[in-house]
Protein backbone atom coordinates (compact mmCIF):
# COMPACT_ATOMS: atom_id res chain seq x y z
CA UNK A 1 32.38 -2.61 -37.53
CA UNK A 2 30.39 -0.03 -35.60
CA UNK A 3 30.09 -0.60 -31.84
CA UNK A 4 26.59 -0.71 -30.32
CA UNK A 5 25.80 2.20 -27.85
CA UNK A 6 24.09 1.49 -24.48
CA UNK A 7 21.85 4.40 -25.22
CA UNK A 8 20.35 2.65 -28.25
CA UNK A 9 19.10 -0.32 -26.26
CA UNK A 10 15.54 -0.65 -25.22
CA UNK A 11 13.56 -3.09 -23.04
CA UNK A 12 11.97 -5.87 -25.10
CA UNK A 13 14.45 -5.46 -27.96
CA UNK A 14 15.39 -8.91 -29.28
CA UNK A 15 17.43 -10.73 -31.81
CA UNK A 16 17.75 -14.34 -33.02
CA UNK A 17 20.29 -16.58 -34.62
CA UNK A 18 19.23 -19.79 -36.47
CA UNK A 19 21.64 -22.72 -36.87
CA UNK A 20 21.16 -26.37 -38.04
CA UNK A 21 23.44 -28.66 -36.14
CA UNK A 22 25.56 -30.89 -38.28
CA UNK A 23 27.98 -33.83 -37.66
CA UNK A 24 30.78 -31.43 -38.51
CA UNK A 25 29.67 -29.04 -35.76
CA UNK A 26 29.84 -31.79 -33.12
CA UNK A 27 33.23 -32.98 -34.33
CA UNK A 28 34.72 -29.40 -34.44
CA UNK A 29 33.32 -28.60 -30.99
CA UNK A 30 34.85 -31.89 -29.68
CA UNK A 31 38.15 -31.03 -31.32
CA UNK A 32 38.18 -27.49 -29.87
CA UNK A 33 36.90 -28.40 -26.42
CA UNK A 34 38.42 -31.84 -25.91
CA UNK A 35 35.03 -33.18 -24.88
CA UNK A 36 34.72 -36.41 -26.65
CA UNK A 37 31.91 -37.78 -24.39
CA UNK A 38 30.52 -40.93 -26.00
CA UNK A 39 27.08 -39.29 -25.71
CA UNK A 40 28.20 -37.07 -28.54
CA UNK A 41 30.31 -39.46 -30.65
CA UNK A 42 29.24 -43.16 -30.17
CA UNK A 43 25.73 -43.84 -31.49
CA UNK A 44 25.72 -47.47 -30.08
CA UNK A 45 26.56 -46.38 -26.71
CA UNK A 46 24.31 -43.33 -26.78
CA UNK A 47 21.33 -45.49 -27.72
CA UNK A 48 21.61 -47.16 -24.31
CA UNK A 49 21.04 -43.88 -22.53
CA UNK A 50 17.92 -41.96 -21.70
CA UNK A 51 18.46 -39.96 -24.89
CA UNK A 52 18.23 -43.11 -27.08
CA UNK A 53 20.97 -41.70 -29.37
CA UNK A 54 23.69 -39.09 -29.88
CA UNK A 55 23.17 -35.52 -28.84
CA UNK A 56 25.07 -32.35 -29.36
CA UNK A 57 27.14 -30.78 -26.52
CA UNK A 58 25.05 -28.49 -24.41
CA UNK A 59 27.58 -25.80 -24.53
CA UNK A 60 27.65 -26.09 -28.32
CA UNK A 61 23.94 -25.12 -28.17
CA UNK A 62 24.71 -22.30 -25.77
CA UNK A 63 27.27 -20.88 -28.14
CA UNK A 64 24.45 -19.93 -30.50
CA UNK A 65 23.27 -17.49 -27.78
CA UNK A 66 26.80 -16.07 -27.63
CA UNK A 67 26.56 -15.55 -31.37
CA UNK A 68 23.24 -13.74 -31.02
CA UNK A 69 24.77 -11.52 -28.30
CA UNK A 70 28.07 -10.73 -30.00
CA UNK A 71 26.86 -10.38 -33.52
CA UNK A 72 23.33 -8.89 -33.13
CA UNK A 73 22.18 -7.73 -29.70
CA UNK A 74 23.82 -5.92 -28.24
CA UNK A 75 26.23 -6.79 -30.98
CA UNK A 76 29.79 -5.49 -31.64
CA UNK A 77 31.66 -4.48 -28.54
CA UNK A 78 29.63 -6.51 -26.12
CA UNK A 79 31.50 -7.99 -23.19
CA UNK A 80 29.97 -11.17 -21.63
CA UNK A 81 29.94 -10.95 -17.73
CA UNK A 82 27.87 -13.96 -16.88
CA UNK A 83 25.44 -16.59 -18.27
CA UNK A 84 23.04 -18.82 -16.33
CA UNK A 85 21.55 -21.84 -18.22
CA UNK A 86 19.08 -24.53 -17.75
CA UNK A 87 19.05 -27.35 -20.34
CA UNK A 88 15.50 -28.65 -20.99
CA UNK A 89 15.95 -31.02 -23.76
CA UNK A 90 18.46 -32.69 -26.16
CA UNK A 91 19.64 -31.24 -29.37
CA UNK A 92 20.45 -33.75 -32.15
CA UNK A 93 22.25 -33.65 -35.45
CA UNK A 94 19.85 -32.08 -38.03
CA UNK A 95 17.98 -30.05 -35.41
CA UNK A 96 17.53 -26.34 -36.38
CA UNK A 97 18.00 -24.25 -33.34
CA UNK A 98 16.76 -20.74 -33.05
CA UNK A 99 18.79 -18.83 -30.26
CA UNK A 100 16.89 -15.78 -28.99
CA UNK A 101 18.14 -12.94 -26.70
CA UNK A 102 15.79 -10.21 -25.22
CA UNK A 103 16.70 -7.16 -23.32
CA UNK A 104 15.02 -7.72 -19.96
CA UNK A 105 16.82 -5.05 -17.78
CA UNK A 106 18.94 -2.00 -18.33
CA UNK A 107 21.11 -0.82 -15.42
CA UNK A 108 21.88 2.78 -16.40
CA UNK A 109 24.17 3.30 -13.40
CA UNK A 110 26.49 0.45 -14.26
CA UNK A 111 25.62 0.36 -17.96
CA UNK A 112 24.84 -3.20 -17.83
CA UNK A 113 22.28 -5.23 -19.87
CA UNK A 114 20.39 -8.21 -18.77
CA UNK A 115 19.20 -10.49 -21.52
CA UNK A 116 16.72 -13.37 -21.29
CA UNK A 117 18.19 -16.14 -23.37
CA UNK A 118 16.63 -19.23 -24.91
CA UNK A 119 17.09 -21.85 -27.60
CA UNK A 120 14.16 -23.48 -29.41
CA UNK A 121 14.24 -26.38 -31.84
CA UNK A 122 12.43 -26.74 -35.14
CA UNK A 123 9.45 -28.31 -33.42
CA UNK A 124 9.03 -25.25 -31.11
CA UNK A 125 10.38 -27.04 -28.14
CA UNK A 126 12.47 -24.94 -25.74
CA UNK A 127 15.76 -26.83 -25.17
CA UNK A 128 17.60 -24.18 -23.15
CA UNK A 129 16.67 -21.10 -21.11
CA UNK A 130 18.75 -18.65 -19.20
CA UNK A 131 19.84 -15.19 -18.52
CA UNK A 132 22.98 -13.30 -19.64
CA UNK A 133 24.60 -10.19 -18.08
CA UNK A 134 26.66 -8.07 -20.49
CA UNK A 135 28.28 -4.69 -20.75
CA UNK A 136 29.41 -2.74 -23.72
CA UNK A 137 32.85 -1.34 -24.65
CA UNK A 138 32.73 2.41 -24.87
CA UNK A 139 33.02 3.63 -28.57
């Protein structure tokens, strides 16, 4: 796998990852993280909440941003330094999420890349926004 070079990045450059959330995704994420909050696993209980039903883990949704960063932009050799996030809406089983990353700043001195990050559902509703700071391994 070829490592991305800092010099190849440009302001405004973007990439997306699309994923449809499944029951298996939620179960697997619960198994990996140990987060079995009834909001994610108990439909009857979740119906009594403001969400009126089960929702996916917020960090599961955020993981699609990680996939866009690590696999597409900047891609191979990217090292995550930080991520800020604001969750704006629930994600449910069956939702198709488009995670988007866009180069918003390049720090040539430190060779760091700031990415605007977002997740949008199939209805065009933004469910997550944030910002990531990454650097690249030298090739």
